Amino acid sequence: VAVSVTAELPPTDRGPAPRDAEASTAEVGAAE
């Protein structure tokens, strides 16, 4: 038996770019 535990990082693919890309980029950066 081999067991490993790793962190599951949030996905980086967030789908299509939002209309207000500048504001959303700042929000995503802060969340990350």
ModelCIF file with pLDDT and N, C-alpha, C, O atoms, coordinates in Angstrom:
data_MODEL
#
_entry.id   MODEL 
#
_entity.id                         1 
_entity.type                       polymer 
_entity.pdbx_number_of_molecules   1 
#
_entity_poly.entity_id                      1 
_entity_poly.type                           'polypeptide(L)' 
_entity_poly.nstd_linkage                   no 
_entity_poly.nstd_monomer                   no 
_entity_poly.pdbx_seq_one_letter_code       VAVSVTAELPPTDRGPAPRDAEASTAEVGAAE 
_entity_poly.pdbx_seq_one_letter_code_can   VAVSVTAELPPTDRGPAPRDAEASTAEVGAAE 
_entity_poly.pdbx_strand_id                 A 
#
loop_
_entity_poly_seq.entity_id 
_entity_poly_seq.num 
_entity_poly_seq.mon_id 
_entity_poly_seq.hetero 
1 1  VAL n 
1 2  ALA n 
1 3  VAL n 
1 4  SER n 
1 5  VAL n 
1 6  THR n 
1 7  ALA n 
1 8  GLU n 
1 9  LEU n 
1 10 PRO n 
1 11 PRO n 
1 12 THR n 
1 13 ASP n 
1 14 ARG n 
1 15 GLY n 
1 16 PRO n 
1 17 ALA n 
1 18 PRO n 
1 19 ARG n 
1 20 ASP n 
1 21 ALA n 
1 22 GLU n 
1 23 ALA n 
1 24 SER n 
1 25 THR n 
1 26 ALA n 
1 27 GLU n 
1 28 VAL n 
1 29 GLY n 
1 30 ALA n 
1 31 ALA n 
1 32 GLU n 
#
_struct_asym.id          A 
_struct_asym.entity_id   1 
#
loop_
_ma_qa_metric.id 
_ma_qa_metric.mode 
_ma_qa_metric.name 
_ma_qa_metric.software_group_id 
_ma_qa_metric.type 
1 global pLDDT . pLDDT 
2 local  pLDDT . pLDDT 
#
_ma_qa_metric_global.metric_id      1 
_ma_qa_metric_global.metric_value   59.62 
_ma_qa_metric_global.model_id       1 
_ma_qa_metric_global.ordinal_id     1 
#
loop_
_ma_qa_metric_local.label_asym_id 
_ma_qa_metric_local.label_comp_id 
_ma_qa_metric_local.label_seq_id 
_ma_qa_metric_local.metric_id 
_ma_qa_metric_local.metric_value 
_ma_qa_metric_local.model_id 
_ma_qa_metric_local.ordinal_id 
A VAL 1  2 98.00 1 1  
A ALA 2  2 98.00 1 2  
A VAL 3  2 98.00 1 3  
A SER 4  2 98.00 1 4  
A VAL 5  2 98.00 1 5  
A THR 6  2 96.00 1 6  
A ALA 7  2 94.00 1 7  
A GLU 8  2 85.00 1 8  
A LEU 9  2 68.00 1 9  
A PRO 10 2 60.00 1 10 
A PRO 11 2 59.00 1 11 
A THR 12 2 54.00 1 12 
A ASP 13 2 49.00 1 13 
A ARG 14 2 43.00 1 14 
A GLY 15 2 46.00 1 15 
A PRO 16 2 48.00 1 16 
A ALA 17 2 47.00 1 17 
A PRO 18 2 46.00 1 18 
A ARG 19 2 48.00 1 19 
A ASP 20 2 47.00 1 20 
A ALA 21 2 44.00 1 21 
A GLU 22 2 47.00 1 22 
A ALA 23 2 45.00 1 23 
A SER 24 2 42.00 1 24 
A THR 25 2 43.00 1 25 
A ALA 26 2 44.00 1 26 
A GLU 27 2 46.00 1 27 
A VAL 28 2 43.00 1 28 
A GLY 29 2 44.00 1 29 
A ALA 30 2 42.00 1 30 
A ALA 31 2 43.00 1 31 
A GLU 32 2 45.00 1 32 
#
loop_
_atom_site.group_PDB 
_atom_site.id 
_atom_site.type_symbol 
_atom_site.label_atom_id 
_atom_site.label_alt_id 
_atom_site.label_comp_id 
_atom_site.label_asym_id 
_atom_site.label_entity_id 
_atom_site.label_seq_id 
_atom_site.pdbx_PDB_ins_code 
_atom_site.Cartn_x 
_atom_site.Cartn_y 
_atom_site.Cartn_z 
_atom_site.occupancy 
_atom_site.B_iso_or_equiv 
_atom_site.pdbx_formal_charge 
_atom_site.auth_seq_id 
_atom_site.auth_comp_id 
_atom_site.auth_asym_id 
_atom_site.auth_atom_id 
_atom_site.pdbx_PDB_model_num 
ATOM 1   N N  . VAL A 1 1  ? 0.855   -1.182 0.000   1.00 98.00 ? 1  VAL A N  1 
ATOM 2   C CA . VAL A 1 1  ? 0.000   0.000  0.000   1.00 98.00 ? 1  VAL A CA 1 
ATOM 3   C C  . VAL A 1 1  ? 0.891   1.231  0.000   1.00 98.00 ? 1  VAL A C  1 
ATOM 4   O O  . VAL A 1 1  ? 1.826   1.327  0.794   1.00 98.00 ? 1  VAL A O  1 
ATOM 5   N N  . ALA A 1 2  ? 0.601   2.172  -0.890  1.00 98.00 ? 2  ALA A N  1 
ATOM 6   C CA . ALA A 1 2  ? 1.268   3.475  -0.905  1.00 98.00 ? 2  ALA A CA 1 
ATOM 7   C C  . ALA A 1 2  ? 0.192   4.532  -0.720  1.00 98.00 ? 2  ALA A C  1 
ATOM 8   O O  . ALA A 1 2  ? -0.851  4.490  -1.372  1.00 98.00 ? 2  ALA A O  1 
ATOM 9   N N  . VAL A 1 3  ? 0.452   5.478  0.173   1.00 98.00 ? 3  VAL A N  1 
ATOM 10  C CA . VAL A 1 3  ? -0.493  6.558  0.453   1.00 98.00 ? 3  VAL A CA 1 
ATOM 11  C C  . VAL A 1 3  ? 0.255   7.874  0.337   1.00 98.00 ? 3  VAL A C  1 
ATOM 12  O O  . VAL A 1 3  ? 1.369   8.012  0.843   1.00 98.00 ? 3  VAL A O  1 
ATOM 13  N N  . SER A 1 4  ? -0.365  8.847  -0.334  1.00 98.00 ? 4  SER A N  1 
ATOM 14  C CA . SER A 1 4  ? 0.210   10.190 -0.379  1.00 98.00 ? 4  SER A CA 1 
ATOM 15  C C  . SER A 1 4  ? -0.916  11.202 -0.212  1.00 98.00 ? 4  SER A C  1 
ATOM 16  O O  . SER A 1 4  ? -2.054  10.959 -0.614  1.00 98.00 ? 4  SER A O  1 
ATOM 17  N N  . VAL A 1 5  ? -0.581  12.334 0.384   1.00 98.00 ? 5  VAL A N  1 
ATOM 18  C CA . VAL A 1 5  ? -1.542  13.411 0.594   1.00 98.00 ? 5  VAL A CA 1 
ATOM 19  C C  . VAL A 1 5  ? -0.918  14.694 0.064   1.00 98.00 ? 5  VAL A C  1 
ATOM 20  O O  . VAL A 1 5  ? 0.179   15.079 0.469   1.00 98.00 ? 5  VAL A O  1 
ATOM 21  N N  . THR A 1 6  ? -1.630  15.349 -0.846  1.00 96.00 ? 6  THR A N  1 
ATOM 22  C CA . THR A 1 6  ? -1.151  16.608 -1.417  1.00 96.00 ? 6  THR A CA 1 
ATOM 23  C C  . THR A 1 6  ? -2.250  17.653 -1.349  1.00 96.00 ? 6  THR A C  1 
ATOM 24  O O  . THR A 1 6  ? -3.427  17.328 -1.188  1.00 96.00 ? 6  THR A O  1 
ATOM 25  N N  . ALA A 1 7  ? -1.851  18.912 -1.473  1.00 94.00 ? 7  ALA A N  1 
ATOM 26  C CA . ALA A 1 7  ? -2.828  20.000 -1.503  1.00 94.00 ? 7  ALA A CA 1 
ATOM 27  C C  . ALA A 1 7  ? -3.479  20.047 -2.876  1.00 94.00 ? 7  ALA A C  1 
ATOM 28  O O  . ALA A 1 7  ? -2.826  19.844 -3.900  1.00 94.00 ? 7  ALA A O  1 
ATOM 29  N N  . GLU A 1 8  ? -4.756  20.314 -2.877  1.00 85.00 ? 8  GLU A N  1 
ATOM 30  C CA . GLU A 1 8  ? -5.493  20.481 -4.127  1.00 85.00 ? 8  GLU A CA 1 
ATOM 31  C C  . GLU A 1 8  ? -5.647  21.979 -4.334  1.00 85.00 ? 8  GLU A C  1 
ATOM 32  O O  . GLU A 1 8  ? -6.490  22.615 -3.701  1.00 85.00 ? 8  GLU A O  1 
ATOM 33  N N  . LEU A 1 9  ? -4.832  22.544 -5.221  1.00 68.00 ? 9  LEU A N  1 
ATOM 34  C CA . LEU A 1 9  ? -4.885  23.981 -5.460  1.00 68.00 ? 9  LEU A CA 1 
ATOM 35  C C  . LEU A 1 9  ? -6.090  24.325 -6.324  1.00 68.00 ? 9  LEU A C  1 
ATOM 36  O O  . LEU A 1 9  ? -6.545  23.498 -7.113  1.00 68.00 ? 9  LEU A O  1 
ATOM 37  N N  . PRO A 1 10 ? -6.611  25.546 -6.178  1.00 60.00 ? 10 PRO A N  1 
ATOM 38  C CA . PRO A 1 10 ? -7.770  25.927 -6.978  1.00 60.00 ? 10 PRO A CA 1 
ATOM 39  C C  . PRO A 1 10 ? -7.433  25.918 -8.466  1.00 60.00 ? 10 PRO A C  1 
ATOM 40  O O  . PRO A 1 10 ? -6.283  26.141 -8.844  1.00 60.00 ? 10 PRO A O  1 
ATOM 41  N N  . PRO A 1 11 ? -8.437  25.660 -9.315  1.00 59.00 ? 11 PRO A N  1 
ATOM 42  C CA . PRO A 1 11 ? -8.179  25.620 -10.754 1.00 59.00 ? 11 PRO A CA 1 
ATOM 43  C C  . PRO A 1 11 ? -7.731  26.982 -11.261 1.00 59.00 ? 11 PRO A C  1 
ATOM 44  O O  . PRO A 1 11 ? -8.160  28.015 -10.747 1.00 59.00 ? 11 PRO A O  1 
ATOM 45  N N  . THR A 1 12 ? -6.860  26.983 -12.279 1.00 54.00 ? 12 THR A N  1 
ATOM 46  C CA . THR A 1 12 ? -6.402  28.243 -12.858 1.00 54.00 ? 12 THR A CA 1 
ATOM 47  C C  . THR A 1 12 ? -7.248  28.629 -14.058 1.00 54.00 ? 12 THR A C  1 
ATOM 48  O O  . THR A 1 12 ? -7.267  29.798 -14.441 1.00 54.00 ? 12 THR A O  1 
ATOM 49  N N  . ASP A 1 13 ? -7.948  27.677 -14.660 1.00 49.00 ? 13 ASP A N  1 
ATOM 50  C CA . ASP A 1 13 ? -8.810  27.975 -15.798 1.00 49.00 ? 13 ASP A CA 1 
ATOM 51  C C  . ASP A 1 13 ? -10.138 28.493 -15.273 1.00 49.00 ? 13 ASP A C  1 
ATOM 52  O O  . ASP A 1 13 ? -10.923 27.739 -14.697 1.00 49.00 ? 13 ASP A O  1 
ATOM 53  N N  . ARG A 1 14 ? -10.379 29.739 -15.466 1.00 43.00 ? 14 ARG A N  1 
ATOM 54  C CA . ARG A 1 14 ? -11.591 30.373 -14.936 1.00 43.00 ? 14 ARG A CA 1 
ATOM 55  C C  . ARG A 1 14 ? -12.627 30.632 -16.032 1.00 43.00 ? 14 ARG A C  1 
ATOM 56  O O  . ARG A 1 14 ? -13.546 31.426 -15.833 1.00 43.00 ? 14 ARG A O  1 
ATOM 57  N N  . GLY A 1 15 ? -12.492 29.978 -17.176 1.00 46.00 ? 15 GLY A N  1 
ATOM 58  C CA . GLY A 1 15 ? -13.479 30.137 -18.241 1.00 46.00 ? 15 GLY A CA 1 
ATOM 59  C C  . GLY A 1 15 ? -13.234 31.379 -19.063 1.00 46.00 ? 15 GLY A C  1 
ATOM 60  O O  . GLY A 1 15 ? -12.138 31.939 -19.036 1.00 46.00 ? 15 GLY A O  1 
ATOM 61  N N  . PRO A 1 16 ? -14.263 31.827 -19.811 1.00 48.00 ? 16 PRO A N  1 
ATOM 62  C CA . PRO A 1 16 ? -14.092 32.980 -20.699 1.00 48.00 ? 16 PRO A CA 1 
ATOM 63  C C  . PRO A 1 16 ? -13.817 34.252 -19.902 1.00 48.00 ? 16 PRO A C  1 
ATOM 64  O O  . PRO A 1 16 ? -14.260 34.398 -18.763 1.00 48.00 ? 16 PRO A O  1 
ATOM 65  N N  . ALA A 1 17 ? -13.081 35.165 -20.522 1.00 47.00 ? 17 ALA A N  1 
ATOM 66  C CA . ALA A 1 17 ? -12.749 36.436 -19.869 1.00 47.00 ? 17 ALA A CA 1 
ATOM 67  C C  . ALA A 1 17 ? -14.011 37.251 -19.647 1.00 47.00 ? 17 ALA A C  1 
ATOM 68  O O  . ALA A 1 17 ? -14.857 37.328 -20.539 1.00 47.00 ? 17 ALA A O  1 
ATOM 69  N N  . PRO A 1 18 ? -14.156 37.862 -18.476 1.00 46.00 ? 18 PRO A N  1 
ATOM 70  C CA . PRO A 1 18 ? -15.323 38.689 -18.205 1.00 46.00 ? 18 PRO A CA 1 
ATOM 71  C C  . PRO A 1 18 ? -15.264 39.984 -19.000 1.00 46.00 ? 18 PRO A C  1 
ATOM 72  O O  . PRO A 1 18 ? -14.215 40.339 -19.537 1.00 46.00 ? 18 PRO A O  1 
ATOM 73  N N  . ARG A 1 19 ? -16.406 40.701 -19.078 1.00 48.00 ? 19 ARG A N  1 
ATOM 74  C CA . ARG A 1 19 ? -16.469 41.945 -19.845 1.00 48.00 ? 19 ARG A CA 1 
ATOM 75  C C  . ARG A 1 19 ? -15.519 42.991 -19.290 1.00 48.00 ? 19 ARG A C  1 
ATOM 76  O O  . ARG A 1 19 ? -14.822 43.656 -20.056 1.00 48.00 ? 19 ARG A O  1 
ATOM 77  N N  . ASP A 1 20 ? -15.477 43.151 -17.979 1.00 47.00 ? 20 ASP A N  1 
ATOM 78  C CA . ASP A 1 20 ? -14.601 44.134 -17.359 1.00 47.00 ? 20 ASP A CA 1 
ATOM 79  C C  . ASP A 1 20 ? -13.327 43.415 -16.908 1.00 47.00 ? 20 ASP A C  1 
ATOM 80  O O  . ASP A 1 20 ? -13.130 43.140 -15.725 1.00 47.00 ? 20 ASP A O  1 
ATOM 81  N N  . ALA A 1 21 ? -12.474 43.121 -17.887 1.00 44.00 ? 21 ALA A N  1 
ATOM 82  C CA . ALA A 1 21 ? -11.297 42.297 -17.626 1.00 44.00 ? 21 ALA A CA 1 
ATOM 83  C C  . ALA A 1 21 ? -10.356 42.938 -16.611 1.00 44.00 ? 21 ALA A C  1 
ATOM 84  O O  . ALA A 1 21 ? -9.755  42.229 -15.803 1.00 44.00 ? 21 ALA A O  1 
ATOM 85  N N  . GLU A 1 22 ? -10.217 44.245 -16.635 1.00 47.00 ? 22 GLU A N  1 
ATOM 86  C CA . GLU A 1 22 ? -9.283  44.899 -15.716 1.00 47.00 ? 22 GLU A CA 1 
ATOM 87  C C  . GLU A 1 22 ? -9.715  44.721 -14.266 1.00 47.00 ? 22 GLU A C  1 
ATOM 88  O O  . GLU A 1 22 ? -8.890  44.389 -13.415 1.00 47.00 ? 22 GLU A O  1 
ATOM 89  N N  . ALA A 1 23 ? -10.993 44.936 -13.972 1.00 45.00 ? 23 ALA A N  1 
ATOM 90  C CA . ALA A 1 23 ? -11.481 44.790 -12.599 1.00 45.00 ? 23 ALA A CA 1 
ATOM 91  C C  . ALA A 1 23 ? -11.412 43.331 -12.169 1.00 45.00 ? 23 ALA A C  1 
ATOM 92  O O  . ALA A 1 23 ? -11.009 43.026 -11.046 1.00 45.00 ? 23 ALA A O  1 
ATOM 93  N N  . SER A 1 24 ? -11.804 42.437 -13.058 1.00 42.00 ? 24 SER A N  1 
ATOM 94  C CA . SER A 1 24 ? -11.810 41.021 -12.706 1.00 42.00 ? 24 SER A CA 1 
ATOM 95  C C  . SER A 1 24 ? -10.410 40.489 -12.476 1.00 42.00 ? 24 SER A C  1 
ATOM 96  O O  . SER A 1 24 ? -10.207 39.659 -11.589 1.00 42.00 ? 24 SER A O  1 
ATOM 97  N N  . THR A 1 25 ? -9.430  40.950 -13.260 1.00 43.00 ? 25 THR A N  1 
ATOM 98  C CA . THR A 1 25 ? -8.054  40.514 -13.066 1.00 43.00 ? 25 THR A CA 1 
ATOM 99  C C  . THR A 1 25 ? -7.561  40.891 -11.686 1.00 43.00 ? 25 THR A C  1 
ATOM 100 O O  . THR A 1 25 ? -6.876  40.101 -11.036 1.00 43.00 ? 25 THR A O  1 
ATOM 101 N N  . ALA A 1 26 ? -7.893  42.072 -11.233 1.00 44.00 ? 26 ALA A N  1 
ATOM 102 C CA . ALA A 1 26 ? -7.493  42.512 -9.889  1.00 44.00 ? 26 ALA A CA 1 
ATOM 103 C C  . ALA A 1 26 ? -8.163  41.650 -8.825  1.00 44.00 ? 26 ALA A C  1 
ATOM 104 O O  . ALA A 1 26 ? -7.534  41.275 -7.836  1.00 44.00 ? 26 ALA A O  1 
ATOM 105 N N  . GLU A 1 27 ? -9.461  41.332 -9.034  1.00 46.00 ? 27 GLU A N  1 
ATOM 106 C CA . GLU A 1 27 ? -10.175 40.501 -8.064  1.00 46.00 ? 27 GLU A CA 1 
ATOM 107 C C  . GLU A 1 27 ? -9.595  39.094 -8.013  1.00 46.00 ? 27 GLU A C  1 
ATOM 108 O O  . GLU A 1 27 ? -9.417  38.534 -6.931  1.00 46.00 ? 27 GLU A O  1 
ATOM 109 N N  . VAL A 1 28 ? -9.301  38.521 -9.174  1.00 43.00 ? 28 VAL A N  1 
ATOM 110 C CA . VAL A 1 28 ? -8.735  37.182 -9.223  1.00 43.00 ? 28 VAL A CA 1 
ATOM 111 C C  . VAL A 1 28 ? -7.362  37.173 -8.561  1.00 43.00 ? 28 VAL A C  1 
ATOM 112 O O  . VAL A 1 28 ? -7.046  36.258 -7.801  1.00 43.00 ? 28 VAL A O  1 
ATOM 113 N N  . GLY A 1 29 ? -6.539  38.194 -8.847  1.00 44.00 ? 29 GLY A N  1 
ATOM 114 C CA . GLY A 1 29 ? -5.214  38.279 -8.232  1.00 44.00 ? 29 GLY A CA 1 
ATOM 115 C C  . GLY A 1 29 ? -5.303  38.353 -6.718  1.00 44.00 ? 29 GLY A C  1 
ATOM 116 O O  . GLY A 1 29 ? -4.520  37.709 -6.020  1.00 44.00 ? 29 GLY A O  1 
ATOM 117 N N  . ALA A 1 30 ? -6.250  39.130 -6.200  1.00 42.00 ? 30 ALA A N  1 
ATOM 118 C CA . ALA A 1 30 ? -6.415  39.236 -4.749  1.00 42.00 ? 30 ALA A CA 1 
ATOM 119 C C  . ALA A 1 30 ? -6.884  37.912 -4.165  1.00 42.00 ? 30 ALA A C  1 
ATOM 120 O O  . ALA A 1 30 ? -6.421  37.498 -3.102  1.00 42.00 ? 30 ALA A O  1 
ATOM 121 N N  . ALA A 1 31 ? -7.802  37.247 -4.857  1.00 43.00 ? 31 ALA A N  1 
ATOM 122 C CA . ALA A 1 31 ? -8.290  35.955 -4.362  1.00 43.00 ? 31 ALA A CA 1 
ATOM 123 C C  . ALA A 1 31 ? -7.172  34.923 -4.353  1.00 43.00 ? 31 ALA A C  1 
ATOM 124 O O  . ALA A 1 31 ? -7.049  34.150 -3.403  1.00 43.00 ? 31 ALA A O  1 
ATOM 125 N N  . GLU A 1 32 ? -6.343  34.905 -5.422  1.00 45.00 ? 32 GLU A N  1 
ATOM 126 C CA . GLU A 1 32 ? -5.235  33.950 -5.462  1.00 45.00 ? 32 GLU A CA 1 
ATOM 127 C C  . GLU A 1 32 ? -4.202  34.238 -4.392  1.00 45.00 ? 32 GLU A C  1 
ATOM 128 O O  . GLU A 1 32 ? -3.204  33.525 -4.289  1.00 45.00 ? 32 GLU A O  1 
#
